[in-house]
N, C-alpha and C. Protein backbone atom coordinates (compact mmCIF):
# COMPACT_ATOMS: atom_id res chain seq x y z
N MET A 1 85.55 -92.77 -33.82
CA MET A 1 84.74 -91.83 -34.58
C MET A 1 83.68 -91.23 -33.66
N SER A 2 83.59 -89.93 -33.68
CA SER A 2 82.60 -89.28 -32.83
C SER A 2 81.36 -88.93 -33.64
N ASN A 3 80.22 -89.03 -33.02
CA ASN A 3 78.96 -88.69 -33.66
C ASN A 3 78.66 -87.22 -33.44
N VAL A 4 78.21 -86.55 -34.48
CA VAL A 4 77.83 -85.15 -34.38
C VAL A 4 76.42 -85.09 -33.80
N LEU A 5 76.25 -84.27 -32.77
CA LEU A 5 74.96 -84.14 -32.12
C LEU A 5 74.24 -82.90 -32.61
N LEU A 6 72.93 -83.02 -32.77
CA LEU A 6 72.08 -81.94 -33.23
C LEU A 6 71.20 -81.48 -32.08
N ASN A 7 71.27 -80.18 -31.75
CA ASN A 7 70.47 -79.61 -30.68
C ASN A 7 69.02 -79.48 -31.17
N ILE A 8 68.09 -80.16 -30.48
CA ILE A 8 66.67 -80.08 -30.85
C ILE A 8 65.88 -79.29 -29.82
N GLY A 9 66.59 -78.56 -28.97
CA GLY A 9 65.94 -77.65 -28.04
C GLY A 9 65.91 -78.11 -26.61
N TYR A 10 66.07 -77.14 -25.70
CA TYR A 10 65.91 -77.32 -24.26
C TYR A 10 66.81 -78.42 -23.70
N GLY A 11 68.05 -78.44 -24.16
CA GLY A 11 69.03 -79.39 -23.65
C GLY A 11 68.95 -80.78 -24.24
N ASN A 12 68.14 -80.98 -25.27
CA ASN A 12 67.99 -82.29 -25.90
C ASN A 12 68.77 -82.32 -27.22
N VAL A 13 69.43 -83.43 -27.46
CA VAL A 13 70.20 -83.60 -28.70
C VAL A 13 69.92 -84.98 -29.30
N VAL A 14 70.11 -85.08 -30.61
CA VAL A 14 70.03 -86.36 -31.31
C VAL A 14 71.28 -86.49 -32.18
N VAL A 15 71.61 -87.71 -32.54
CA VAL A 15 72.74 -87.93 -33.44
C VAL A 15 72.31 -87.48 -34.83
N ALA A 16 73.00 -86.49 -35.38
CA ALA A 16 72.60 -85.86 -36.64
C ALA A 16 72.53 -86.85 -37.79
N SER A 17 73.43 -87.81 -37.84
CA SER A 17 73.45 -88.76 -38.95
C SER A 17 72.26 -89.71 -38.95
N ARG A 18 71.52 -89.80 -37.85
CA ARG A 18 70.37 -90.69 -37.76
C ARG A 18 69.07 -90.02 -38.20
N VAL A 19 69.09 -88.70 -38.41
CA VAL A 19 67.88 -87.96 -38.80
C VAL A 19 67.57 -88.23 -40.26
N VAL A 20 66.33 -88.67 -40.52
CA VAL A 20 65.86 -88.90 -41.88
C VAL A 20 65.10 -87.69 -42.39
N THR A 21 64.19 -87.17 -41.57
CA THR A 21 63.39 -86.02 -41.97
C THR A 21 62.94 -85.23 -40.75
N ILE A 22 62.62 -83.96 -41.01
CA ILE A 22 62.08 -83.07 -39.97
C ILE A 22 60.81 -82.47 -40.57
N VAL A 23 59.67 -82.70 -39.94
CA VAL A 23 58.39 -82.26 -40.50
C VAL A 23 57.56 -81.50 -39.47
N SER A 24 56.59 -80.78 -39.98
CA SER A 24 55.63 -80.05 -39.14
C SER A 24 54.55 -81.03 -38.68
N PRO A 25 54.06 -80.90 -37.45
CA PRO A 25 53.13 -81.88 -36.89
C PRO A 25 51.65 -81.65 -37.18
N GLN A 26 51.28 -80.60 -37.93
CA GLN A 26 49.88 -80.23 -38.05
C GLN A 26 49.03 -81.15 -38.93
N SER A 27 49.59 -81.79 -39.92
CA SER A 27 48.76 -82.57 -40.84
C SER A 27 48.26 -83.87 -40.21
N ALA A 28 47.17 -84.37 -40.76
CA ALA A 28 46.58 -85.62 -40.24
C ALA A 28 47.55 -86.80 -40.37
N PRO A 29 48.28 -86.96 -41.48
CA PRO A 29 49.23 -88.07 -41.55
C PRO A 29 50.32 -88.01 -40.47
N MET A 30 50.75 -86.81 -40.13
CA MET A 30 51.78 -86.68 -39.09
C MET A 30 51.20 -87.00 -37.71
N LYS A 31 49.94 -86.66 -37.49
CA LYS A 31 49.29 -87.01 -36.23
C LYS A 31 49.15 -88.54 -36.11
N ARG A 32 48.83 -89.20 -37.23
CA ARG A 32 48.75 -90.66 -37.22
C ARG A 32 50.12 -91.28 -36.98
N LEU A 33 51.15 -90.71 -37.62
CA LEU A 33 52.52 -91.20 -37.43
C LEU A 33 52.90 -91.15 -35.95
N ARG A 34 52.56 -90.04 -35.31
CA ARG A 34 52.84 -89.85 -33.88
C ARG A 34 52.11 -90.89 -33.03
N GLU A 35 50.83 -91.10 -33.31
CA GLU A 35 50.04 -92.08 -32.55
C GLU A 35 50.55 -93.49 -32.74
N GLU A 36 50.91 -93.85 -33.98
CA GLU A 36 51.42 -95.20 -34.26
C GLU A 36 52.75 -95.43 -33.55
N ALA A 37 53.60 -94.42 -33.55
CA ALA A 37 54.89 -94.55 -32.88
C ALA A 37 54.70 -94.74 -31.37
N ALA A 38 53.74 -94.03 -30.81
CA ALA A 38 53.46 -94.18 -29.38
C ALA A 38 52.99 -95.60 -29.08
N GLY A 39 52.17 -96.15 -29.95
CA GLY A 39 51.68 -97.51 -29.77
C GLY A 39 52.78 -98.56 -29.87
N ARG A 40 53.82 -98.28 -30.65
CA ARG A 40 54.94 -99.21 -30.83
C ARG A 40 56.05 -98.98 -29.81
N GLY A 41 55.91 -97.95 -28.99
CA GLY A 41 56.96 -97.63 -28.02
C GLY A 41 58.15 -96.95 -28.66
N LYS A 42 57.95 -96.27 -29.78
CA LYS A 42 59.04 -95.62 -30.51
C LYS A 42 58.92 -94.10 -30.50
N LEU A 43 58.10 -93.55 -29.60
CA LEU A 43 57.90 -92.11 -29.53
C LEU A 43 58.76 -91.53 -28.41
N VAL A 44 59.53 -90.48 -28.74
CA VAL A 44 60.35 -89.78 -27.75
C VAL A 44 59.85 -88.34 -27.70
N ASP A 45 59.36 -87.93 -26.54
CA ASP A 45 58.86 -86.57 -26.38
C ASP A 45 59.96 -85.70 -25.77
N ALA A 46 60.55 -84.84 -26.60
CA ALA A 46 61.63 -83.95 -26.15
C ALA A 46 61.14 -82.50 -26.09
N THR A 47 59.84 -82.31 -25.88
CA THR A 47 59.27 -80.96 -25.87
C THR A 47 59.40 -80.26 -24.53
N GLN A 48 59.71 -81.01 -23.48
CA GLN A 48 59.81 -80.45 -22.13
C GLN A 48 58.50 -79.78 -21.72
N GLY A 49 57.37 -80.34 -22.13
CA GLY A 49 56.06 -79.83 -21.76
C GLY A 49 55.55 -78.69 -22.62
N ARG A 50 56.30 -78.33 -23.63
CA ARG A 50 55.89 -77.24 -24.52
C ARG A 50 55.13 -77.81 -25.72
N ARG A 51 54.58 -76.91 -26.53
CA ARG A 51 53.84 -77.32 -27.72
C ARG A 51 54.78 -77.97 -28.74
N THR A 52 54.33 -79.06 -29.36
CA THR A 52 55.12 -79.74 -30.39
C THR A 52 55.11 -78.90 -31.66
N ARG A 53 56.30 -78.53 -32.13
CA ARG A 53 56.41 -77.73 -33.34
C ARG A 53 57.07 -78.50 -34.48
N SER A 54 57.75 -79.60 -34.16
CA SER A 54 58.35 -80.40 -35.22
C SER A 54 58.41 -81.86 -34.80
N ILE A 55 58.39 -82.71 -35.81
CA ILE A 55 58.53 -84.15 -35.63
C ILE A 55 59.77 -84.58 -36.39
N ILE A 56 60.65 -85.27 -35.70
CA ILE A 56 61.90 -85.75 -36.29
C ILE A 56 61.78 -87.25 -36.44
N VAL A 57 62.00 -87.74 -37.66
CA VAL A 57 61.97 -89.18 -37.93
C VAL A 57 63.42 -89.64 -38.08
N THR A 58 63.76 -90.72 -37.39
CA THR A 58 65.12 -91.25 -37.45
C THR A 58 65.17 -92.54 -38.27
N ASP A 59 66.37 -92.96 -38.63
CA ASP A 59 66.53 -94.18 -39.41
C ASP A 59 66.24 -95.44 -38.59
N SER A 60 66.12 -95.30 -37.28
CA SER A 60 65.77 -96.44 -36.43
C SER A 60 64.26 -96.53 -36.21
N ASP A 61 63.50 -95.70 -36.96
CA ASP A 61 62.05 -95.67 -36.91
C ASP A 61 61.52 -95.04 -35.62
N HIS A 62 62.37 -94.30 -34.90
CA HIS A 62 61.91 -93.55 -33.75
C HIS A 62 61.34 -92.22 -34.22
N ILE A 63 60.34 -91.75 -33.52
CA ILE A 63 59.72 -90.45 -33.79
C ILE A 63 60.02 -89.57 -32.59
N ILE A 64 60.66 -88.42 -32.84
CA ILE A 64 61.06 -87.52 -31.77
C ILE A 64 60.28 -86.22 -31.91
N LEU A 65 59.62 -85.80 -30.84
CA LEU A 65 58.87 -84.55 -30.84
C LEU A 65 59.74 -83.45 -30.27
N SER A 66 59.73 -82.29 -30.93
CA SER A 66 60.52 -81.16 -30.47
C SER A 66 59.66 -79.90 -30.42
N ALA A 67 60.00 -79.00 -29.52
CA ALA A 67 59.29 -77.73 -29.40
C ALA A 67 59.93 -76.64 -30.26
N ILE A 68 60.91 -77.01 -31.07
CA ILE A 68 61.59 -76.07 -31.95
C ILE A 68 61.03 -76.21 -33.36
N ASN A 69 60.92 -75.10 -34.09
CA ASN A 69 60.39 -75.12 -35.45
C ASN A 69 61.27 -75.96 -36.38
N PRO A 70 60.66 -76.64 -37.36
CA PRO A 70 61.43 -77.46 -38.30
C PRO A 70 62.51 -76.67 -39.03
N ASP A 71 62.22 -75.43 -39.43
CA ASP A 71 63.20 -74.61 -40.13
C ASP A 71 64.43 -74.36 -39.27
N THR A 72 64.22 -74.12 -38.00
CA THR A 72 65.32 -73.85 -37.09
C THR A 72 66.21 -75.09 -36.95
N ILE A 73 65.59 -76.25 -36.78
CA ILE A 73 66.35 -77.49 -36.65
C ILE A 73 67.10 -77.79 -37.94
N ALA A 74 66.45 -77.59 -39.08
CA ALA A 74 67.10 -77.84 -40.37
C ALA A 74 68.29 -76.92 -40.57
N THR A 75 68.16 -75.66 -40.16
CA THR A 75 69.27 -74.73 -40.27
C THR A 75 70.43 -75.17 -39.38
N ARG A 76 70.12 -75.60 -38.18
CA ARG A 76 71.17 -76.09 -37.29
C ARG A 76 71.87 -77.30 -37.89
N LEU A 77 71.10 -78.18 -38.50
CA LEU A 77 71.65 -79.39 -39.10
C LEU A 77 72.57 -79.06 -40.28
N ALA A 78 72.16 -78.08 -41.09
CA ALA A 78 72.88 -77.77 -42.32
C ALA A 78 74.05 -76.81 -42.15
N HIS A 79 73.92 -75.81 -41.28
CA HIS A 79 74.87 -74.71 -41.31
C HIS A 79 75.67 -74.44 -40.05
N GLU A 80 75.28 -75.01 -38.95
CA GLU A 80 75.93 -74.62 -37.71
C GLU A 80 76.76 -75.76 -37.15
N GLY A 81 77.44 -75.47 -36.05
CA GLY A 81 78.30 -76.46 -35.41
C GLY A 81 77.52 -77.63 -34.85
N PRO A 82 78.21 -78.60 -34.28
CA PRO A 82 77.59 -79.84 -33.84
C PRO A 82 76.49 -79.66 -32.80
N PHE A 83 76.53 -78.64 -31.98
CA PHE A 83 75.50 -78.46 -30.98
C PHE A 83 74.52 -77.36 -31.35
N GLY A 84 74.46 -77.01 -32.65
CA GLY A 84 73.52 -76.00 -33.10
C GLY A 84 73.96 -74.60 -32.74
N VAL A 85 75.24 -74.42 -32.48
CA VAL A 85 75.76 -73.10 -32.13
C VAL A 85 76.93 -72.82 -33.06
N ASP A 86 77.02 -71.59 -33.55
CA ASP A 86 78.14 -71.24 -34.41
C ASP A 86 79.45 -71.45 -33.66
N GLU A 87 80.40 -72.01 -34.36
CA GLU A 87 81.71 -72.26 -33.72
C GLU A 87 82.69 -71.21 -34.14
């Protein structure tokens, strides 16, 4: 069985079935979530040095930071091919 990969920007992908939620990072609770994940060693920064525009929460309790907007990632997850590109 192959896992479908979700493009989260700049050459980074995650296993689509592991994504629980995709949220915007601006609120105080999301900032706390990010800090707590960093303290637990569960933070993955996939922004490639760019501004964080979305936070992806996985079922393994990892927090992934992406420089792509949450709407864009959600659209890729729902409507496009495995790598976020129309097939």
